[in-house]
Amino acid sequence: MDLKALVGTWINSNPDTHSVALVRATEAHGKLKLQVSVVGSDGLIDWGEREADVFAATTESHAGAGFTCRYVFDHGETRLQGMIMKGLLVLAQFHLFNDDEREPYFLREYFAATHDRFLKVSS
């Protein structure tokens, strides 16, 4: 499957997020790898790299249009579902906890791909 639409560094469009701030998506040996960073009290926290399952938009397509990924922690887990829409990464987050003190919650945020198009200065 062609992963180029998903590969890149994606930055959350919400500067006040309390969740995922940055997603780095890379391709290795035909697989999509995600490295997620979340907002912490002392800066970004790197959740590490995970392999994502990739999906096309149709059964005939060979282009990756979305993915799922799961992060498991001692306190619970986070399930991520992402898709490209109008050039943005739409990331749905499902947060579940192992304790009875916190309710599971859902969050959807939008991420823009970083690029250097406007940094190039012509002389």
PDB file of N, CA and C in Angstrom:
ATOM      1  N   MET A   1       0.848  -1.183   0.000  1.00  0.00           N
ATOM      2  CA  MET A   1       0.000   0.000   0.000  1.00  0.00           C
ATOM      3  C   MET A   1       0.890   1.243   0.000  1.00  0.00           C
ATOM      4  N   ASP A   2       0.464   2.255  -0.721  1.00  0.00           N
ATOM      5  CA  ASP A   2       1.191   3.519  -0.796  1.00  0.00           C
ATOM      6  C   ASP A   2       0.877   4.348   0.448  1.00  0.00           C
ATOM      7  N   LEU A   3       1.896   4.675   1.228  1.00  0.00           N
ATOM      8  CA  LEU A   3       1.711   5.373   2.501  1.00  0.00           C
ATOM      9  C   LEU A   3       2.033   6.862   2.442  1.00  0.00           C
ATOM     10  N   LYS A   4       2.396   7.385   1.270  1.00  0.00           N
ATOM     11  CA  LYS A   4       2.935   8.752   1.213  1.00  0.00           C
ATOM     12  C   LYS A   4       1.988   9.829   1.746  1.00  0.00           C
ATOM     13  N   ALA A   5       0.675   9.640   1.621  1.00  0.00           N
ATOM     14  CA  ALA A   5      -0.257  10.652   2.132  1.00  0.00           C
ATOM     15  C   ALA A   5      -0.246  10.728   3.653  1.00  0.00           C
ATOM     16  N   LEU A   6       0.157   9.646   4.307  1.00  0.00           N
ATOM     17  CA  LEU A   6       0.156   9.590   5.775  1.00  0.00           C
ATOM     18  C   LEU A   6       1.501   9.966   6.387  1.00  0.00           C
ATOM     19  N   VAL A   7       2.570   9.787   5.633  1.00  0.00           N
ATOM     20  CA  VAL A   7       3.918  10.012   6.159  1.00  0.00           C
ATOM     21  C   VAL A   7       4.196  11.497   6.323  1.00  0.00           C
ATOM     22  N   GLY A   8       4.792  11.859   7.459  1.00  0.00           N
ATOM     23  CA  GLY A   8       5.172  13.242   7.719  1.00  0.00           C
ATOM     24  C   GLY A   8       5.124  13.549   9.199  1.00  0.00           C
ATOM     25  N   THR A   9       5.408  14.786   9.506  1.00  0.00           N
ATOM     26  CA  THR A   9       5.296  15.268  10.881  1.00  0.00           C
ATOM     27  C   THR A   9       4.040  16.126  10.952  1.00  0.00           C
ATOM     28  N   TRP A  10       3.142  15.738  11.834  1.00  0.00           N
ATOM     29  CA  TRP A  10       1.830  16.365  11.957  1.00  0.00           C
ATOM     30  C   TRP A  10       1.738  17.086  13.296  1.00  0.00           C
ATOM     31  N   ILE A  11       1.359  18.376  13.245  1.00  0.00           N
ATOM     32  CA  ILE A  11       1.283  19.208  14.442  1.00  0.00           C
ATOM     33  C   ILE A  11      -0.178  19.548  14.736  1.00  0.00           C
ATOM     34  N   ASN A  12      -0.572  19.416  15.983  1.00  0.00           N
ATOM     35  CA  ASN A  12      -1.945  19.709  16.387  1.00  0.00           C
ATOM     36  C   ASN A  12      -2.269  21.171  16.090  1.00  0.00           C
ATOM     37  N   SER A  13      -3.421  21.396  15.468  1.00  0.00           N
ATOM     38  CA  SER A  13      -3.827  22.771  15.136  1.00  0.00           C
ATOM     39  C   SER A  13      -4.350  23.518  16.356  1.00  0.00           C
ATOM     40  N   ASN A  14      -4.610  22.810  17.446  1.00  0.00           N
ATOM     41  CA  ASN A  14      -5.098  23.437  18.681  1.00  0.00           C
ATOM     42  C   ASN A  14      -3.907  23.694  19.610  1.00  0.00           C
ATOM     43  N   PRO A  15      -3.458  24.950  19.728  1.00  0.00           N
ATOM     44  CA  PRO A  15      -2.288  25.230  20.585  1.00  0.00           C
ATOM     45  C   PRO A  15      -2.574  25.008  22.066  1.00  0.00           C
ATOM     46  N   ASP A  16      -3.837  24.874  22.449  1.00  0.00           N
ATOM     47  CA  ASP A  16      -4.201  24.681  23.851  1.00  0.00           C
ATOM     48  C   ASP A  16      -4.558  23.228  24.180  1.00  0.00           C
ATOM     49  N   THR A  17      -4.184  22.296  23.310  1.00  0.00           N
ATOM     50  CA  THR A  17      -4.515  20.903  23.564  1.00  0.00           C
ATOM     51  C   THR A  17      -3.868  20.409  24.858  1.00  0.00           C
ATOM     52  N   HIS A  18      -4.529  19.456  25.482  1.00  0.00           N
ATOM     53  CA  HIS A  18      -3.971  18.784  26.659  1.00  0.00           C
ATOM     54  C   HIS A  18      -3.722  17.318  26.336  1.00  0.00           C
ATOM     55  N   SER A  19      -3.642  17.006  25.057  1.00  0.00           N
ATOM     56  CA  SER A  19      -3.512  15.619  24.632  1.00  0.00           C
ATOM     57  C   SER A  19      -2.377  15.488  23.620  1.00  0.00           C
ATOM     58  N   VAL A  20      -2.633  14.849  22.506  1.00  0.00           N
ATOM     59  CA  VAL A  20      -1.600  14.622  21.489  1.00  0.00           C
ATOM     60  C   VAL A  20      -1.224  15.956  20.848  1.00  0.00           C
ATOM     61  N   ALA A  21       0.064  16.247  20.854  1.00  0.00           N
ATOM     62  CA  ALA A  21       0.564  17.492  20.281  1.00  0.00           C
ATOM     63  C   ALA A  21       1.219  17.280  18.922  1.00  0.00           C
ATOM     64  N   LEU A  22       1.816  16.099  18.741  1.00  0.00           N
ATOM     65  CA  LEU A  22       2.661  15.863  17.577  1.00  0.00           C
ATOM     66  C   LEU A  22       2.597  14.383  17.200  1.00  0.00           C
ATOM     67  N   VAL A  23       2.491  14.121  15.913  1.00  0.00           N
ATOM     68  CA  VAL A  23       2.542  12.753  15.395  1.00  0.00           C
ATOM     69  C   VAL A  23       3.594  12.720  14.291  1.00  0.00           C
ATOM     70  N   ARG A  24       4.571  11.850  14.464  1.00  0.00           N
ATOM     71  CA  ARG A  24       5.568  11.627  13.410  1.00  0.00           C
ATOM     72  C   ARG A  24       5.250  10.276  12.775  1.00  0.00           C
ATOM     73  N   ALA A  25       4.940  10.296  11.492  1.00  0.00           N
ATOM     74  CA  ALA A  25       4.600   9.073  10.767  1.00  0.00           C
ATOM     75  C   ALA A  25       5.689   8.795   9.742  1.00  0.00           C
ATOM     76  N   THR A  26       6.274   7.621   9.840  1.00  0.00           N
ATOM     77  CA  THR A  26       7.347   7.231   8.929  1.00  0.00           C
ATOM     78  C   THR A  26       7.006   5.879   8.307  1.00  0.00           C
ATOM     79  N   GLU A  27       7.668   5.591   7.204  1.00  0.00           N
ATOM     80  CA  GLU A  27       7.497   4.298   6.546  1.00  0.00           C
ATOM     81  C   GLU A  27       8.784   3.509   6.695  1.00  0.00           C
ATOM     82  N   ALA A  28       8.682   2.267   7.125  1.00  0.00           N
ATOM     83  CA  ALA A  28       9.830   1.372   7.233  1.00  0.00           C
ATOM     84  C   ALA A  28       9.404  -0.010   6.739  1.00  0.00           C
ATOM     85  N   HIS A  29      10.035  -0.464   5.669  1.00  0.00           N
ATOM     86  CA  HIS A  29       9.772  -1.789   5.110  1.00  0.00           C
ATOM     87  C   HIS A  29       8.290  -1.982   4.765  1.00  0.00           C
ATOM     88  N   GLY A  30       7.681  -0.923   4.226  1.00  0.00           N
ATOM     89  CA  GLY A  30       6.292  -0.996   3.810  1.00  0.00           C
ATOM     90  C   GLY A  30       5.276  -0.862   4.927  1.00  0.00           C
ATOM     91  N   LYS A  31       5.728  -0.591   6.137  1.00  0.00           N
ATOM     92  CA  LYS A  31       4.844  -0.452   7.305  1.00  0.00           C
ATOM     93  C   LYS A  31       4.832   1.003   7.764  1.00  0.00           C
ATOM     94  N   LEU A  32       3.688   1.449   8.298  1.00  0.00           N
ATOM     95  CA  LEU A  32       3.581   2.794   8.850  1.00  0.00           C
ATOM     96  C   LEU A  32       3.933   2.741  10.328  1.00  0.00           C
ATOM     97  N   LYS A  33       4.882   3.570  10.729  1.00  0.00           N
ATOM     98  CA  LYS A  33       5.298   3.676  12.128  1.00  0.00           C
ATOM     99  C   LYS A  33       4.884   5.053  12.641  1.00  0.00           C
ATOM    100  N   LEU A  34       4.281   5.089  13.831  1.00  0.00           N
ATOM    101  CA  LEU A  34       3.867   6.348  14.449  1.00  0.00           C
ATOM    102  C   LEU A  34       4.670   6.581  15.712  1.00  0.00           C
ATOM    103  N   GLN A  35       5.119   7.811  15.888  1.00  0.00           N
ATOM    104  CA  GLN A  35       5.732   8.253  17.127  1.00  0.00           C
ATOM    105  C   GLN A  35       4.916   9.435  17.612  1.00  0.00           C
ATOM    106  N   VAL A  36       4.249   9.251  18.744  1.00  0.00           N
ATOM    107  CA  VAL A  36       3.302  10.227  19.263  1.00  0.00           C
ATOM    108  C   VAL A  36       3.907  10.946  20.464  1.00  0.00           C
ATOM    109  N   SER A  37       3.740  12.265  20.500  1.00  0.00           N
ATOM    110  CA  SER A  37       4.152  13.071  21.648  1.00  0.00           C
ATOM    111  C   SER A  37       2.924  13.784  22.190  1.00  0.00           C
ATOM    112  N   VAL A  38       2.761  13.744  23.507  1.00  0.00           N
ATOM    113  CA  VAL A  38       1.605  14.355  24.163  1.00  0.00           C
ATOM    114  C   VAL A  38       2.068  15.465  25.093  1.00  0.00           C
ATOM    115  N   VAL A  39       1.130  16.340  25.433  1.00  0.00           N
ATOM    116  CA  VAL A  39       1.418  17.455  26.331  1.00  0.00           C
ATOM    117  C   VAL A  39       1.499  16.927  27.762  1.00  0.00           C
ATOM    118  N   GLY A  40       2.591  17.261  28.448  1.00  0.00           N
ATOM    119  CA  GLY A  40       2.764  16.922  29.857  1.00  0.00           C
ATOM    120  C   GLY A  40       2.966  18.183  30.668  1.00  0.00           C
ATOM    121  N   SER A  41       3.016  18.059  31.973  1.00  0.00           N
ATOM    122  CA  SER A  41       3.165  19.236  32.838  1.00  0.00           C
ATOM    123  C   SER A  41       4.522  19.918  32.666  1.00  0.00           C
ATOM    124  N   ASP A  42       5.542  19.168  32.231  1.00  0.00           N
ATOM    125  CA  ASP A  42       6.879  19.742  32.048  1.00  0.00           C
ATOM    126  C   ASP A  42       7.334  19.736  30.592  1.00  0.00           C
ATOM    127  N   GLY A  43       6.391  19.682  29.670  1.00  0.00           N
ATOM    128  CA  GLY A  43       6.740  19.648  28.248  1.00  0.00           C
ATOM    129  C   GLY A  43       6.176  18.411  27.580  1.00  0.00           C
ATOM    130  N   LEU A  44       6.662  18.141  26.380  1.00  0.00           N
ATOM    131  CA  LEU A  44       6.141  17.005  25.621  1.00  0.00           C
ATOM    132  C   LEU A  44       6.648  15.681  26.185  1.00  0.00           C
ATOM    133  N   ILE A  45       5.775  14.680  26.129  1.00  0.00           N
ATOM    134  CA  ILE A  45       6.110  13.324  26.554  1.00  0.00           C
ATOM    135  C   ILE A  45       6.044  12.430  25.320  1.00  0.00           C
ATOM    136  N   ASP A  46       7.128  11.748  25.036  1.00  0.00           N
ATOM    137  CA  ASP A  46       7.211  10.855  23.888  1.00  0.00           C
ATOM    138  C   ASP A  46       6.643   9.497  24.279  1.00  0.00           C
ATOM    139  N   TRP A  47       5.587   9.075  23.604  1.00  0.00           N
ATOM    140  CA  TRP A  47       4.975   7.776  23.886  1.00  0.00           C
ATOM    141  C   TRP A  47       5.712   6.641  23.188  1.00  0.00           C
ATOM    142  N   GLY A  48       6.675   6.963  22.357  1.00  0.00           N
ATOM    143  CA  GLY A  48       7.409   5.928  21.645  1.00  0.00           C
ATOM    144  C   GLY A  48       6.796   5.615  20.298  1.00  0.00           C
ATOM    145  N   GLU A  49       7.436   4.682  19.625  1.00  0.00           N
ATOM    146  CA  GLU A  49       7.028   4.335  18.273  1.00  0.00           C
ATOM    147  C   GLU A  49       6.194   3.050  18.275  1.00  0.00           C
ATOM    148  N   ARG A  50       5.132   3.057  17.485  1.00  0.00           N
ATOM    149  CA  ARG A  50       4.271   1.888  17.320  1.00  0.00           C
ATOM    150  C   ARG A  50       3.971   1.696  15.840  1.00  0.00           C
ATOM    151  N   GLU A  51       3.748   0.462  15.458  1.00  0.00           N
ATOM    152  CA  GLU A  51       3.320   0.167  14.099  1.00  0.00           C
ATOM    153  C   GLU A  51       1.806   0.360  14.011  1.00  0.00           C
ATOM    154  N   ALA A  52       1.369   0.980  12.933  1.00  0.00           N
ATOM    155  CA  ALA A  52      -0.052   1.239  12.728  1.00  0.00           C
ATOM    156  C   ALA A  52      -0.604   0.294  11.662  1.00  0.00           C
ATOM    157  N   ASP A  53      -1.872  -0.031  11.783  1.00  0.00           N
ATOM    158  CA  ASP A  53      -2.589  -0.738  10.728  1.00  0.00           C
ATOM    159  C   ASP A  53      -3.128   0.318   9.770  1.00  0.00           C
ATOM    160  N   VAL A  54      -2.925   0.120   8.476  1.00  0.00           N
ATOM    161  CA  VAL A  54      -3.297   1.120   7.477  1.00  0.00           C
ATOM    162  C   VAL A  54      -4.463   0.598   6.638  1.00  0.00           C
ATOM    163  N   PHE A  55      -5.339   1.520   6.262  1.00  0.00           N
ATOM    164  CA  PHE A  55      -6.531   1.190   5.489  1.00  0.00           C
ATOM    165  C   PHE A  55      -6.626   2.105   4.270  1.00  0.00           C
ATOM    166  N   ALA A  56      -7.090   1.547   3.169  1.00  0.00           N
ATOM    167  CA  ALA A  56      -7.373   2.335   1.973  1.00  0.00           C
ATOM    168  C   ALA A  56      -8.809   2.847   2.059  1.00  0.00           C
ATOM    169  N   ALA A  57      -9.156   3.778   1.186  1.00  0.00           N
ATOM    170  CA  ALA A  57     -10.507   4.337   1.183  1.00  0.00           C
ATOM    171  C   ALA A  57     -11.513   3.386   0.528  1.00  0.00           C
ATOM    172  N   THR A  58     -11.034   2.531  -0.367  1.00  0.00           N
ATOM    173  CA  THR A  58     -11.900   1.554  -1.034  1.00  0.00           C
ATOM    174  C   THR A  58     -11.128   0.257  -1.207  1.00  0.00           C
ATOM    175  N   THR A  59     -11.815  -0.790  -1.568  1.00  0.00           N
ATOM    176  CA  THR A  59     -11.148  -2.071  -1.794  1.00  0.00           C
ATOM    177  C   THR A  59     -10.286  -2.053  -3.053  1.00  0.00           C
ATOM    178  N   GLU A  60     -10.547  -1.134  -3.959  1.00  0.00           N
ATOM    179  CA  GLU A  60      -9.766  -1.041  -5.199  1.00  0.00           C
ATOM    180  C   GLU A  60      -8.544  -0.141  -5.052  1.00  0.00           C
ATOM    181  N   SER A  61      -8.527   0.702  -4.053  1.00  0.00           N
ATOM    182  CA  SER A  61      -7.437   1.672  -3.876  1.00  0.00           C
ATOM    183  C   SER A  61      -6.197   1.012  -3.279  1.00  0.00           C
ATOM    184  N   HIS A  62      -5.053   1.537  -3.658  1.00  0.00           N
ATOM    185  CA  HIS A  62      -3.780   1.090  -3.074  1.00  0.00           C
ATOM    186  C   HIS A  62      -3.118   2.212  -2.287  1.00  0.00           C
ATOM    187  N   ALA A  63      -3.857   3.289  -2.042  1.00  0.00           N
ATOM    188  CA  ALA A  63      -3.329   4.439  -1.300  1.00  0.00           C
ATOM    189  C   ALA A  63      -3.846   4.404   0.139  1.00  0.00           C
ATOM    190  N   GLY A  64      -2.929   4.547   1.078  1.00  0.00           N
ATOM    191  CA  GLY A  64      -3.316   4.600   2.481  1.00  0.00           C
ATOM    192  C   GLY A  64      -4.115   5.857   2.770  1.00  0.00           C
ATOM    193  N   ALA A  65      -5.302   5.681   3.351  1.00  0.00           N
ATOM    194  CA  ALA A  65      -6.169   6.826   3.644  1.00  0.00           C
ATOM    195  C   ALA A  65      -6.412   7.001   5.133  1.00  0.00           C
ATOM    196  N   GLY A  66      -6.108   5.974   5.913  1.00  0.00           N
ATOM    197  CA  GLY A  66      -6.333   6.054   7.350  1.00  0.00           C
ATOM    198  C   GLY A  66      -5.565   4.974   8.081  1.00  0.00           C
ATOM    199  N   PHE A  67      -5.580   5.052   9.408  1.00  0.00           N
ATOM    200  CA  PHE A  67      -4.837   4.088  10.211  1.00  0.00           C
ATOM    201  C   PHE A  67      -5.474   3.932  11.582  1.00  0.00           C
ATOM    202  N   THR A  68      -5.099   2.860  12.245  1.00  0.00           N
ATOM    203  CA  THR A  68      -5.387   2.674  13.662  1.00  0.00           C
ATOM    204  C   THR A  68      -4.080   2.312  14.353  1.00  0.00           C
ATOM    205  N   CYS A  69      -4.010   2.652  15.625  1.00  0.00           N
ATOM    206  CA  CYS A  69      -2.816   2.386  16.416  1.00  0.00           C
ATOM    207  C   CYS A  69      -3.221   2.327  17.884  1.00  0.00           C
ATOM    208  N   ARG A  70      -2.507   1.555  18.662  1.00  0.00           N
ATOM    209  CA  ARG A  70      -2.861   1.374  20.070  1.00  0.00           C
ATOM    210  C   ARG A  70      -1.628   1.535  20.950  1.00  0.00           C
ATOM    211  N   TYR A  71      -1.785   2.325  21.997  1.00  0.00           N
ATOM    212  CA  TYR A  71      -0.753   2.484  23.022  1.00  0.00           C
ATOM    213  C   TYR A  71      -1.299   1.938  24.335  1.00  0.00           C
ATOM    214  N   VAL A  72      -0.572   1.008  24.944  1.00  0.00           N
ATOM    215  CA  VAL A  72      -0.989   0.407  26.211  1.00  0.00           C
ATOM    216  C   VAL A  72      -0.050   0.891  27.310  1.00  0.00           C
ATOM    217  N   PHE A  73      -0.637   1.312  28.421  1.00  0.00           N
ATOM    218  CA  PHE A  73       0.109   1.831  29.565  1.00  0.00           C
ATOM    219  C   PHE A  73      -0.302   1.069  30.828  1.00  0.00           C
ATOM    220  N   ASP A  74       0.409   1.288  31.917  1.00  0.00           N
ATOM    221  CA  ASP A  74       0.040   0.683  33.195  1.00  0.00           C
ATOM    222  C   ASP A  74      -1.336   1.156  33.656  1.00  0.00           C
ATOM    223  N   HIS A  75      -1.667   2.414  33.373  1.00  0.00           N
ATOM    224  CA  HIS A  75      -2.925   3.003  33.838  1.00  0.00           C
ATOM    225  C   HIS A  75      -4.108   2.786  32.893  1.00  0.00           C
ATOM    226  N   GLY A  76      -3.849   2.273  31.679  1.00  0.00           N
ATOM    227  CA  GLY A  76      -4.924   2.081  30.715  1.00  0.00           C
ATOM    228  C   GLY A  76      -4.385   2.007  29.304  1.00  0.00           C
ATOM    229  N   GLU A  77      -5.143   2.503  28.362  1.00  0.00           N
ATOM    230  CA  GLU A  77      -4.686   2.490  26.978  1.00  0.00           C
ATOM    231  C   GLU A  77      -5.313   3.641  26.200  1.00  0.00           C
ATOM    232  N   THR A  78      -4.679   3.954  25.081  1.00  0.00           N
ATOM    233  CA  THR A  78      -5.204   4.936  24.139  1.00  0.00           C
ATOM    234  C   THR A  78      -5.238   4.294  22.765  1.00  0.00           C
ATOM    235  N   ARG A  79      -6.383   4.383  22.135  1.00  0.00           N
ATOM    236  CA  ARG A  79      -6.556   3.897  20.769  1.00  0.00           C
ATOM    237  C   ARG A  79      -6.662   5.115  19.855  1.00  0.00           C
ATOM    238  N   LEU A  80      -5.909   5.094  18.787  1.00  0.00           N
ATOM    239  CA  LEU A  80      -5.903   6.203  17.838  1.00  0.00           C
ATOM    240  C   LEU A  80      -6.458   5.732  16.503  1.00  0.00           C
ATOM    241  N   GLN A  81      -7.265   6.574  15.889  1.00  0.00           N
ATOM    242  CA  GLN A  81      -7.737   6.363  14.534  1.00  0.00           C
ATOM    243  C   GLN A  81      -7.489   7.659  13.778  1.00  0.00           C
ATOM    244  N   GLY A  82      -6.779   7.562  12.677  1.00  0.00           N
ATOM    245  CA  GLY A  82      -6.475   8.752  11.898  1.00  0.00           C
ATOM    246  C   GLY A  82      -6.891   8.597  10.458  1.00  0.00           C
ATOM    247  N   MET A  83      -7.222   9.730   9.842  1.00  0.00           N
ATOM    248  CA  MET A  83      -7.543   9.745   8.418  1.00  0.00           C
ATOM    249  C   MET A  83      -7.164  11.105   7.842  1.00  0.00           C
ATOM    250  N   ILE A  84      -6.849  11.104   6.561  1.00  0.00           N
ATOM    251  CA  ILE A  84      -6.536  12.346   5.874  1.00  0.00           C
ATOM    252  C   ILE A  84      -7.825  12.907   5.285  1.00  0.00           C
ATOM    253  N   MET A  85      -8.086  14.178   5.596  1.00  0.00           N
ATOM    254  CA  MET A  85      -9.261  14.861   5.053  1.00  0.00           C
ATOM    255  C   MET A  85      -8.862  16.291   4.709  1.00  0.00           C
ATOM    256  N   LYS A  86      -8.987  16.625   3.438  1.00  0.00           N
ATOM    257  CA  LYS A  86      -8.676  17.976   2.947  1.00  0.00           C
ATOM    258  C   LYS A  86      -7.271  18.407   3.357  1.00  0.00           C
ATOM    259  N   GLY A  87      -6.321  17.487   3.298  1.00  0.00           N
ATOM    260  CA  GLY A  87      -4.927  17.787   3.596  1.00  0.00           C
ATOM    261  C   GLY A  87      -4.571  17.796   5.067  1.00  0.00           C
ATOM    262  N   LEU A  88      -5.537  17.553   5.929  1.00  0.00           N
ATOM    263  CA  LEU A  88      -5.285  17.500   7.370  1.00  0.00           C
ATOM    264  C   LEU A  88      -5.366  16.061   7.856  1.00  0.00           C
ATOM    265  N   LEU A  89      -4.657  15.787   8.936  1.00  0.00           N
ATOM    266  CA  LEU A  89      -4.810  14.522   9.644  1.00  0.00           C
ATOM    267  C   LEU A  89      -5.880  14.725  10.705  1.00  0.00           C
ATOM    268  N   VAL A  90      -6.964  13.981  10.601  1.00  0.00           N
ATOM    269  CA  VAL A  90      -8.022  14.004  11.609  1.00  0.00           C
ATOM    270  C   VAL A  90      -7.746  12.823  12.530  1.00  0.00           C
ATOM    271  N   LEU A  91      -7.472  13.116  13.791  1.00  0.00           N
ATOM    272  CA  LEU A  91      -7.074  12.074  14.740  1.00  0.00           C
ATOM    273  C   LEU A  91      -8.133  11.919  15.821  1.00  0.00           C
ATOM    274  N   ALA A  92      -8.766  10.744  15.830  1.00  0.00           N
ATOM    275  CA  ALA A  92      -9.715  10.396  16.880  1.00  0.00           C
ATOM    276  C   ALA A  92      -8.943   9.641  17.963  1.00  0.00           C
ATOM    277  N   GLN A  93      -9.178  10.037  19.206  1.00  0.00           N
ATOM    278  CA  GLN A  93      -8.470   9.450  20.342  1.00  0.00           C
ATOM    279  C   GLN A  93      -9.492   8.859  21.307  1.00  0.00           C
ATOM    280  N   PHE A  94      -9.271   7.606  21.683  1.00  0.00           N
ATOM    281  CA  PHE A  94     -10.133   6.913  22.632  1.00  0.00           C
ATOM    282  C   PHE A  94      -9.273   6.558  23.838  1.00  0.00           C
ATOM    283  N   HIS A  95      -9.503   7.227  24.958  1.00  0.00           N
ATOM    284  CA  HIS A  95      -8.693   7.043  26.166  1.00  0.00           C
ATOM    285  C   HIS A  95      -9.475   6.208  27.171  1.00  0.00           C
ATOM    286  N   LEU A  96      -8.871   5.091  27.593  1.00  0.00           N
ATOM    287  CA  LEU A  96      -9.502   4.183  28.558  1.00  0.00           C
ATOM    288  C   LEU A  96      -8.583   4.032  29.762  1.00  0.00           C
ATOM    289  N   PHE A  97      -9.166   3.841  30.936  1.00  0.00           N
ATOM    290  CA  PHE A  97      -8.400   3.764  32.173  1.00  0.00           C
ATOM    291  C   PHE A  97      -8.721   2.478  32.933  1.00  0.00           C
ATOM    292  N   ASN A  98      -7.739   1.993  33.691  1.00  0.00           N
ATOM    293  CA  ASN A  98      -7.900   0.766  34.467  1.00  0.00           C
ATOM    294  C   ASN A  98      -8.543   1.004  35.826  1.00  0.00           C
ATOM    295  N   ASP A  99      -8.709   2.250  36.228  1.00  0.00           N
ATOM    296  CA  ASP A  99      -9.269   2.540  37.551  1.00  0.00           C
ATOM    297  C   ASP A  99     -10.733   2.975  37.436  1.00  0.00           C
ATOM    298  N   ASP A 100     -11.392   3.076  38.558  1.00  0.00           N
ATOM    299  CA  ASP A 100     -12.796   3.501  38.586  1.00  0.00           C
ATOM    300  C   ASP A 100     -12.942   5.001  38.816  1.00  0.00           C
ATOM    301  N   GLU A 101     -11.827   5.718  38.907  1.00  0.00           N
ATOM    302  CA  GLU A 101     -11.866   7.149  39.206  1.00  0.00           C
ATOM    303  C   GLU A 101     -12.064   8.006  37.956  1.00  0.00           C
ATOM    304  N   ARG A 102     -11.655   7.493  36.795  1.00  0.00           N
ATOM    305  CA  ARG A 102     -11.728   8.277  35.564  1.00  0.00           C
ATOM    306  C   ARG A 102     -12.597   7.562  34.540  1.00  0.00           C
ATOM    307  N   GLU A 103     -13.417   8.348  33.880  1.00  0.00           N
ATOM    308  CA  GLU A 103     -14.261   7.807  32.817  1.00  0.00           C
ATOM    309  C   GLU A 103     -13.458   7.763  31.516  1.00  0.00           C
ATOM    310  N   PRO A 104     -13.712   6.767  30.687  1.00  0.00           N
ATOM    311  CA  PRO A 104     -13.098   6.791  29.365  1.00  0.00           C
ATOM    312  C   PRO A 104     -13.614   8.003  28.593  1.00  0.00           C
ATOM    313  N   TYR A 105     -12.776   8.551  27.719  1.00  0.00           N
ATOM    314  CA  TYR A 105     -13.242   9.710  26.961  1.00  0.00           C
ATOM    315  C   TYR A 105     -12.724   9.678  25.527  1.00  0.00           C
ATOM    316  N   PHE A 106     -13.430  10.411  24.689  1.00  0.00           N
ATOM    317  CA  PHE A 106     -13.157  10.516  23.264  1.00  0.00           C
ATOM    318  C   PHE A 106     -12.761  11.949  22.943  1.00  0.00           C
ATOM    319  N   LEU A 107     -11.811  12.094  22.031  1.00  0.00           N
ATOM    320  CA  LEU A 107     -11.361  13.410  21.604  1.00  0.00           C
ATOM    321  C   LEU A 107     -10.998  13.327  20.128  1.00  0.00           C
ATOM    322  N   ARG A 108     -11.385  14.342  19.353  1.00  0.00           N
ATOM    323  CA  ARG A 108     -10.991  14.413  17.945  1.00  0.00           C
ATOM    324  C   ARG A 108     -10.316  15.759  17.726  1.00  0.00           C
ATOM    325  N   GLU A 109      -9.131  15.708  17.141  1.00  0.00           N
ATOM    326  CA  GLU A 109      -8.395  16.942  16.853  1.00  0.00           C
ATOM    327  C   GLU A 109      -7.815  16.873  15.444  1.00  0.00           C
ATOM    328  N   TYR A 110      -7.386  18.014  14.951  1.00  0.00           N
ATOM    329  CA  TYR A 110      -6.927  18.162  13.582  1.00  0.00           C
ATOM    330  C   TYR A 110      -5.455  18.570  13.579  1.00  0.00           C
ATOM    331  N   PHE A 111      -4.701  17.956  12.666  1.00  0.00           N
ATOM    332  CA  PHE A 111      -3.261  18.159  12.609  1.00  0.00           C
ATOM    333  C   PHE A 111      -2.854  18.590  11.210  1.00  0.00           C
ATOM    334  N   ALA A 112      -1.950  19.553  11.137  1.00  0.00           N
ATOM    335  CA  ALA A 112      -1.412  20.024   9.865  1.00  0.00           C
ATOM    336  C   ALA A 112      -0.011  19.459   9.676  1.00  0.00           C
ATOM    337  N   ALA A 113       0.299  19.117   8.444  1.00  0.00           N
ATOM    338  CA  ALA A 113       1.637  18.621   8.125  1.00  0.00           C
ATOM    339  C   ALA A 113       2.622  19.779   8.134  1.00  0.00           C
ATOM    340  N   THR A 114       3.787  19.547   8.692  1.00  0.00           N
ATOM    341  CA  THR A 114       4.826  20.568   8.655  1.00  0.00           C
ATOM    342  C   THR A 114       5.505  20.520   7.288  1.00  0.00           C
ATOM    343  N   HIS A 115       5.994  21.639   6.858  1.00  0.00           N
ATOM    344  CA  HIS A 115       6.714  21.712   5.593  1.00  0.00           C
ATOM    345  C   HIS A 115       7.628  22.932   5.648  1.00  0.00           C
ATOM    346  N   ASP A 116       8.514  23.025   4.659  1.00  0.00           N
ATOM    347  CA  ASP A 116       9.432  24.171   4.624  1.00  0.00           C
ATOM    348  C   ASP A 116       9.194  25.034   3.389  1.00  0.00           C
ATOM    349  N   ARG A 117       8.011  24.918   2.796  1.00  0.00           N
ATOM    350  CA  ARG A 117       7.727  25.649   1.557  1.00  0.00           C
ATOM    351  C   ARG A 117       7.975  27.152   1.695  1.00  0.00           C
ATOM    352  N   PHE A 118       7.575  27.745   2.799  1.00  0.00           N
ATOM    353  CA  PHE A 118       7.681  29.201   2.948  1.00  0.00           C
ATOM    354  C   PHE A 118       9.000  29.629   3.584  1.00  0.00           C
ATOM    355  N   LEU A 119       9.830  28.658   3.923  1.00  0.00           N
ATOM    356  CA  LEU A 119      11.130  28.986   4.518  1.00  0.00           C
ATOM    357  C   LEU A 119      12.197  29.193   3.449  1.00  0.00           C
ATOM    358  N   LYS A 120      11.920  28.758   2.241  1.00  0.00           N
ATOM    359  CA  LYS A 120      12.890  28.898   1.157  1.00  0.00           C
ATOM    360  C   LYS A 120      12.877  30.342   0.675  1.00  0.00           C
ATOM    361  N   VAL A 121      14.029  30.951   0.697  1.00  0.00           N
ATOM    362  CA  VAL A 121      14.143  32.356   0.294  1.00  0.00           C
ATOM    363  C   VAL A 121      14.876  32.389  -1.041  1.00  0.00           C
ATOM    364  N   SER A 122      14.269  33.031  -2.015  1.00  0.00           N
ATOM    365  CA  SER A 122      14.948  33.151  -3.318  1.00  0.00           C
ATOM    366  C   SER A 122      15.874  34.363  -3.279  1.00  0.00           C
ATOM    367  N   SER A 123      16.975  34.233  -3.947  1.00  0.00           N
ATOM    368  CA  SER A 123      17.935  35.342  -3.938  1.00  0.00           C
ATOM    369  C   SER A 123      17.938  36.103  -5.231  1.00  0.00           C
TER     370      SER A 123
END
